[in-house]
C-alpha atoms as a PDB file:
ATOM      1  CA  MET A   1      12.301  12.911  76.128  1.00  0.00           C
ATOM      2  CA  ARG A   2      13.144  10.531  73.314  1.00  0.00           C
ATOM      3  CA  THR A   3      10.369   9.274  71.045  1.00  0.00           C
ATOM      4  CA  GLY A   4      10.455   5.588  72.032  1.00  0.00           C
ATOM      5  CA  ARG A   5       7.728   5.646  74.695  1.00  0.00           C
ATOM      6  CA  LEU A   6       5.399   7.739  72.532  1.00  0.00           C
ATOM      7  CA  GLU A   7       5.889   5.397  69.580  1.00  0.00           C
ATOM      8  CA  ALA A   8       5.398   2.239  71.670  1.00  0.00           C
ATOM      9  CA  PHE A   9       2.234   3.605  73.287  1.00  0.00           C
ATOM     10  CA  SER A  10       0.831   4.720  69.927  1.00  0.00           C
ATOM     11  CA  ASP A  11       1.637   1.366  68.314  1.00  0.00           C
ATOM     12  CA  GLY A  12      -0.151  -0.417  71.146  1.00  0.00           C
ATOM     13  CA  VAL A  13      -3.254   1.764  70.879  1.00  0.00           C
ATOM     14  CA  LEU A  14      -3.458   1.281  67.108  1.00  0.00           C
ATOM     15  CA  ALA A  15      -3.044  -2.493  67.482  1.00  0.00           C
ATOM     16  CA  ILE A  16      -5.882  -2.549  70.028  1.00  0.00           C
ATOM     17  CA  LEU A  17      -8.125  -0.534  67.691  1.00  0.00           C
ATOM     18  CA  ILE A  18      -7.612  -3.042  64.885  1.00  0.00           C
ATOM     19  CA  THR A  19      -8.305  -5.883  67.307  1.00  0.00           C
ATOM     20  CA  ILE A  20     -11.543  -4.266  68.471  1.00  0.00           C
ATOM     21  CA  MET A  21     -12.683  -3.840  64.875  1.00  0.00           C
ATOM     22  CA  VAL A  22     -11.979  -7.440  63.906  1.00  0.00           C
ATOM     23  CA  LEU A  23     -13.863  -8.669  66.970  1.00  0.00           C
ATOM     24  CA  GLU A  24     -16.928  -6.790  65.700  1.00  0.00           C
ATOM     25  CA  LEU A  25     -17.064  -8.986  62.580  1.00  0.00           C
ATOM     26  CA  LYS A  26     -19.923 -11.463  62.611  1.00  0.00           C
ATOM     27  CA  VAL A  27     -19.007 -15.042  61.777  1.00  0.00           C
ATOM     28  CA  PRO A  28     -21.517 -16.885  59.544  1.00  0.00           C
ATOM     29  CA  GLU A  29     -23.333 -19.739  61.238  1.00  0.00           C
ATOM     30  CA  GLU A  30     -23.280 -21.940  58.140  1.00  0.00           C
ATOM     31  CA  PRO A  31     -20.267 -22.922  55.994  1.00  0.00           C
ATOM     32  CA  THR A  32     -21.797 -21.519  52.800  1.00  0.00           C
ATOM     33  CA  PHE A  33     -21.304 -18.469  50.620  1.00  0.00           C
ATOM     34  CA  GLU A  34     -24.956 -17.600  51.146  1.00  0.00           C
ATOM     35  CA  ALA A  35     -24.397 -17.446  54.905  1.00  0.00           C
ATOM     36  CA  LEU A  36     -21.363 -15.204  54.309  1.00  0.00           C
ATOM     37  CA  ARG A  37     -23.421 -12.621  52.399  1.00  0.00           C
ATOM     38  CA  PRO A  38     -24.721 -10.745  55.499  1.00  0.00           C
ATOM     39  CA  SER A  39     -21.117 -10.396  56.737  1.00  0.00           C
ATOM     40  CA  LEU A  40     -19.852  -8.800  53.523  1.00  0.00           C
ATOM     41  CA  VAL A  41     -20.761  -5.253  54.572  1.00  0.00           C
ATOM     42  CA  GLY A  42     -18.897  -5.794  57.845  1.00  0.00           C
ATOM     43  CA  LEU A  43     -15.875  -7.094  55.987  1.00  0.00           C
ATOM     44  CA  LEU A  44     -15.884  -4.081  53.659  1.00  0.00           C
ATOM     45  CA  THR A  45     -16.212  -1.520  56.460  1.00  0.00           C
ATOM     46  CA  TYR A  46     -13.515  -3.360  58.408  1.00  0.00           C
ATOM     47  CA  LEU A  47     -11.234  -3.306  55.364  1.00  0.00           C
ATOM     48  CA  LEU A  48     -11.718   0.441  54.860  1.00  0.00           C
ATOM     49  CA  SER A  49     -11.084   1.259  58.514  1.00  0.00           C
ATOM     50  CA  PHE A  50      -8.165  -1.181  58.727  1.00  0.00           C
ATOM     51  CA  VAL A  51      -6.560   0.606  55.774  1.00  0.00           C
ATOM     52  CA  TYR A  52      -7.089   3.972  57.465  1.00  0.00           C
ATOM     53  CA  ILE A  53      -5.542   2.805  60.748  1.00  0.00           C
ATOM     54  CA  GLY A  54      -2.660   1.331  58.725  1.00  0.00           C
ATOM     55  CA  ILE A  55      -2.135   4.609  56.861  1.00  0.00           C
ATOM     56  CA  TYR A  56      -1.975   6.541  60.131  1.00  0.00           C
ATOM     57  CA  TRP A  57       0.363   3.985  61.676  1.00  0.00           C
ATOM     58  CA  ASN A  58       2.663   4.153  58.633  1.00  0.00           C
ATOM     59  CA  ASN A  59       2.734   7.960  58.533  1.00  0.00           C
ATOM     60  CA  HIS A  60       3.144   8.200  62.304  1.00  0.00           C
ATOM     61  CA  HIS A  61       6.096   5.813  62.102  1.00  0.00           C
ATOM     62  CA  HIS A  62       7.763   7.868  59.379  1.00  0.00           C
ATOM     63  CA  MET A  63       7.085  11.092  61.248  1.00  0.00           C
ATOM     64  CA  PHE A  64       8.796   9.954  64.409  1.00  0.00           C
ATOM     65  CA  GLN A  65      11.782   8.585  62.526  1.00  0.00           C
ATOM     66  CA  LEU A  66      12.577  12.261  61.889  1.00  0.00           C
ATOM     67  CA  VAL A  67      11.942  13.605  65.398  1.00  0.00           C
ATOM     68  CA  ARG A  68      14.712  13.626  67.988  1.00  0.00           C
ATOM     69  CA  HIS A  69      12.803  14.628  71.105  1.00  0.00           C
ATOM     70  CA  VAL A  70       9.198  15.075  72.143  1.00  0.00           C
ATOM     71  CA  SER A  71       7.762  17.849  74.272  1.00  0.00           C
ATOM     72  CA  GLY A  72       4.677  17.917  76.437  1.00  0.00           C
ATOM     73  CA  ALA A  73       2.815  19.645  73.592  1.00  0.00           C
ATOM     74  CA  ILE A  74       3.742  16.813  71.206  1.00  0.00           C
ATOM     75  CA  LEU A  75       2.544  14.233  73.743  1.00  0.00           C
ATOM     76  CA  TRP A  76      -0.844  15.977  74.017  1.00  0.00           C
ATOM     77  CA  ALA A  77      -1.156  16.433  70.261  1.00  0.00           C
ATOM     78  CA  ASN A  78      -0.386  12.732  69.838  1.00  0.00           C
ATOM     79  CA  LEU A  79      -3.089  11.869  72.376  1.00  0.00           C
ATOM     80  CA  GLY A  80      -5.507  14.019  70.375  1.00  0.00           C
ATOM     81  CA  LEU A  81      -4.747  11.949  67.289  1.00  0.00           C
ATOM     82  CA  LEU A  82      -5.121   8.689  69.211  1.00  0.00           C
ATOM     83  CA  PHE A  83      -8.453   9.893  70.608  1.00  0.00           C
ATOM     84  CA  MET A  84      -9.823  10.585  67.135  1.00  0.00           C
ATOM     85  CA  LEU A  85      -8.561   7.219  65.881  1.00  0.00           C
ATOM     86  CA  SER A  86     -10.026   5.444  68.923  1.00  0.00           C
ATOM     87  CA  LEU A  87     -13.489   6.459  67.672  1.00  0.00           C
ATOM     88  CA  VAL A  88     -12.988   4.601  64.375  1.00  0.00           C
ATOM     89  CA  PRO A  89     -14.184   1.198  65.703  1.00  0.00           C
ATOM     90  CA  PHE A  90     -17.407   2.837  66.941  1.00  0.00           C
ATOM     91  CA  THR A  91     -18.134   4.767  63.756  1.00  0.00           C
ATOM     92  CA  THR A  92     -17.201   1.737  61.653  1.00  0.00           C
ATOM     93  CA  ALA A  93     -19.549  -0.551  63.598  1.00  0.00           C
ATOM     94  CA  TRP A  94     -22.366   1.993  63.377  1.00  0.00           C
ATOM     95  CA  MET A  95     -21.924   2.356  59.632  1.00  0.00           C
ATOM     96  CA  ASP A  96     -21.855  -1.443  59.300  1.00  0.00           C
ATOM     97  CA  ASP A  97     -24.836  -2.146  61.565  1.00  0.00           C
ATOM     98  CA  THR A  98     -26.996   0.382  59.714  1.00  0.00           C
ATOM     99  CA  ARG A  99     -25.886  -0.778  56.264  1.00  0.00           C
ATOM    100  CA  PHE A 100     -24.447   2.626  55.309  1.00  0.00           C
ATOM    101  CA  ALA A 101     -27.358   4.734  56.537  1.00  0.00           C
ATOM    102  CA  GLN A 102     -26.962   8.468  55.992  1.00  0.00           C
ATOM    103  CA  LEU A 103     -26.162   9.684  59.525  1.00  0.00           C
ATOM    104  CA  PRO A 104     -23.593   6.966  60.330  1.00  0.00           C
ATOM    105  CA  VAL A 105     -21.798   7.646  57.015  1.00  0.00           C
ATOM    106  CA  VAL A 106     -21.759  11.374  57.848  1.00  0.00           C
ATOM    107  CA  VAL A 107     -20.426  10.659  61.357  1.00  0.00           C
ATOM    108  CA  TYR A 108     -17.770   8.310  59.921  1.00  0.00           C
ATOM    109  CA  GLY A 109     -16.649  11.134  57.624  1.00  0.00           C
ATOM    110  CA  ILE A 110     -16.557  13.577  60.544  1.00  0.00           C
ATOM    111  CA  ASN A 111     -14.408  11.033  62.411  1.00  0.00           C
ATOM    112  CA  LEU A 112     -12.006  10.796  59.463  1.00  0.00           C
ATOM    113  CA  LEU A 113     -11.901  14.588  59.171  1.00  0.00           C
ATOM    114  CA  GLY A 114     -11.211  14.884  62.899  1.00  0.00           C
ATOM    115  CA  ALA A 115      -8.339  12.387  62.634  1.00  0.00           C
ATOM    116  CA  ALA A 116      -6.865  14.300  59.677  1.00  0.00           C
ATOM    117  CA  ILE A 117      -7.050  17.576  61.614  1.00  0.00           C
ATOM    118  CA  ALA A 118      -5.517  15.934  64.701  1.00  0.00           C
ATOM    119  CA  TYR A 119      -2.659  14.554  62.592  1.00  0.00           C
ATOM    120  CA  TYR A 120      -2.091  18.009  61.108  1.00  0.00           C
ATOM    121  CA  VAL A 121      -2.025  19.542  64.608  1.00  0.00           C
ATOM    122  CA  LEU A 122       0.542  16.914  65.667  1.00  0.00           C
ATOM    123  CA  GLN A 123       2.625  17.724  62.599  1.00  0.00           C
ATOM    124  CA  LEU A 124       2.460  21.469  63.328  1.00  0.00           C
ATOM    125  CA  THR A 125       3.444  20.831  66.943  1.00  0.00           C
ATOM    126  CA  VAL A 126       6.506  18.911  65.778  1.00  0.00           C
ATOM    127  CA  PHE A 127       7.316  21.728  63.316  1.00  0.00           C
ATOM    128  CA  ARG A 128       7.163  24.260  66.148  1.00  0.00           C
ATOM    129  CA  ARG A 129       9.358  22.085  68.391  1.00  0.00           C
ATOM    130  CA  ASP A 130      12.005  21.418  65.725  1.00  0.00           C
ATOM    131  CA  GLY A 131      12.054  24.877  64.145  1.00  0.00           C
ATOM    132  CA  PRO A 132      12.221  25.942  60.501  1.00  0.00           C
ATOM    133  CA  ASP A 133      15.090  23.578  59.671  1.00  0.00           C
ATOM    134  CA  GLY A 134      13.486  20.480  61.177  1.00  0.00           C
ATOM    135  CA  LEU A 135      13.755  17.261  59.224  1.00  0.00           C
ATOM    136  CA  LEU A 136      10.007  16.589  59.296  1.00  0.00           C
ATOM    137  CA  ARG A 137       9.233  19.993  57.780  1.00  0.00           C
ATOM    138  CA  GLN A 138      11.711  19.263  54.978  1.00  0.00           C
ATOM    139  CA  ALA A 139      10.259  15.784  54.393  1.00  0.00           C
ATOM    140  CA  VAL A 140       6.652  16.960  54.288  1.00  0.00           C
ATOM    141  CA  GLY A 141       7.324  19.638  51.693  1.00  0.00           C
ATOM    142  CA  ARG A 142       4.126  21.017  50.166  1.00  0.00           C
ATOM    143  CA  ASP A 143       2.071  18.056  51.461  1.00  0.00           C
ATOM    144  CA  LEU A 144      -0.527  18.137  48.699  1.00  0.00           C
ATOM    145  CA  LYS A 145      -2.221  14.905  49.845  1.00  0.00           C
ATOM    146  CA  GLY A 146      -2.359  16.174  53.416  1.00  0.00           C
ATOM    147  CA  LYS A 147      -4.049  19.409  52.342  1.00  0.00           C
ATOM    148  CA  LEU A 148      -6.402  17.803  49.838  1.00  0.00           C
ATOM    149  CA  SER A 149      -7.656  14.975  52.081  1.00  0.00           C
ATOM    150  CA  PRO A 150      -9.703  17.167  54.480  1.00  0.00           C
ATOM    151  CA  VAL A 151     -11.314  18.876  51.489  1.00  0.00           C
ATOM    152  CA  VAL A 152     -12.387  15.495  50.094  1.00  0.00           C
ATOM    153  CA  TYR A 153     -13.672  14.467  53.540  1.00  0.00           C
ATOM    154  CA  VAL A 154     -15.832  17.595  53.703  1.00  0.00           C
ATOM    155  CA  LEU A 155     -17.109  16.921  50.180  1.00  0.00           C
ATOM    156  CA  GLY A 156     -17.827  13.328  51.212  1.00  0.00           C
ATOM    157  CA  ILE A 157     -19.701  14.460  54.328  1.00  0.00           C
ATOM    158  CA  LEU A 158     -21.775  16.889  52.265  1.00  0.00           C
ATOM    159  CA  GLY A 159     -22.272  14.260  49.541  1.00  0.00           C
ATOM    160  CA  SER A 160     -23.521  11.820  52.175  1.00  0.00           C
ATOM    161  CA  LEU A 161     -26.364  14.213  52.870  1.00  0.00           C
ATOM    162  CA  VAL A 162     -27.466  13.647  49.260  1.00  0.00           C
ATOM    163  CA  ALA A 163     -26.663   9.926  49.071  1.00  0.00           C
ATOM    164  CA  PRO A 164     -24.520   7.908  51.526  1.00  0.00           C
ATOM    165  CA  TRP A 165     -22.654   6.115  48.719  1.00  0.00           C
ATOM    166  CA  ILE A 166     -21.160   9.475  47.622  1.00  0.00           C
ATOM    167  CA  GLY A 167     -19.541   9.838  51.025  1.00  0.00           C
ATOM    168  CA  VAL A 168     -18.287   6.272  51.044  1.00  0.00           C
ATOM    169  CA  LEU A 169     -16.730   6.780  47.591  1.00  0.00           C
ATOM    170  CA  ALA A 170     -15.004   9.958  48.799  1.00  0.00           C
ATOM    171  CA  TYR A 171     -13.596   8.157  51.865  1.00  0.00           C
ATOM    172  CA  VAL A 172     -12.387   5.260  49.723  1.00  0.00           C
ATOM    173  CA  ALA A 173     -10.782   7.712  47.270  1.00  0.00           C
ATOM    174  CA  VAL A 174      -8.759   9.349  50.052  1.00  0.00           C
ATOM    175  CA  ALA A 175      -7.629   5.951  51.358  1.00  0.00           C
ATOM    176  CA  VAL A 176      -6.545   4.890  47.861  1.00  0.00           C
ATOM    177  CA  THR A 177      -4.489   8.061  47.374  1.00  0.00           C
ATOM    178  CA  TRP A 178      -2.665   7.410  50.651  1.00  0.00           C
ATOM    179  CA  LEU A 179      -2.009   3.783  49.716  1.00  0.00           C
ATOM    180  CA  VAL A 180       0.152   4.974  46.833  1.00  0.00           C
ATOM    181  CA  PRO A 181       3.529   5.434  48.518  1.00  0.00           C
ATOM    182  CA  ASP A 182       5.424   8.679  48.104  1.00  0.00           C
ATOM    183  CA  ARG A 183       8.880   7.412  47.164  1.00  0.00           C
ATOM    184  CA  ARG A 184      10.415  10.866  47.681  1.00  0.00           C
ATOM    185  CA  ALA A 185       9.217  10.958  51.292  1.00  0.00           C
ATOM    186  CA  GLU A 186      10.336   7.376  51.928  1.00  0.00           C
ATOM    187  CA  ARG A 187      13.794   8.173  50.551  1.00  0.00           C
ATOM    188  CA  PHE A 188      14.014  11.276  52.739  1.00  0.00           C
ATOM    189  CA  VAL A 189      13.114   9.272  55.836  1.00  0.00           C
ATOM    190  CA  HIS A 190      15.613   6.575  54.889  1.00  0.00           C
ATOM    191  CA  ASP A 191      18.394   9.103  54.282  1.00  0.00           C
ATOM    192  CA  HIS A 192      17.715  11.114  57.439  1.00  0.00           C
ATOM    193  CA  ALA A 193      16.334   8.584  59.933  1.00  0.00           C
ATOM    194  CA  LEU A 194      17.955   9.022  63.301  1.00  0.00           C
ATOM    195  CA  GLU A 195      17.663   5.392  64.347  1.00  0.00           C
ATOM    196  CA  ASP A 196      15.747   2.285  63.295  1.00  0.00           C
END
């Protein structure tokens, strides 16, 4: 099977997740900055989770530009990733509603770690399908950011047990590292993309 249906379904799910998160934002009742203050935490948690969903969407898009066909195993691995990402609105809202209480920050980190593992499983499934000379395997290379991110998530989860802000800083740090584009990977995708 070609990748079009998988990509369209995934794009739709990710768009719905962002929509759910924005609907959770509380609109101030008064047109003043003071009335906006209680919504600031919600805006910040929304921003962090929006960036994460955007990072996954971007990487997913680049991944499937280098995949010719999908197998049943790839479809299931992709659903695993979408499942983990579908929990982000819940964990985001919980973290927001509790004003970064310890357990919700830990659970948010576990959610991010689960999504990273699910993405890695999807990547490995594509590697297995395409073999040792697959384009995705060549594009990923050593994947330092991909290997380091779960370590930082675990450190953030453990740090949250000491103080929730340590976890939040770790999660923000991972997001910032993924916001910096890897020009080498983008060039590889551009040079080897099968179709736009």
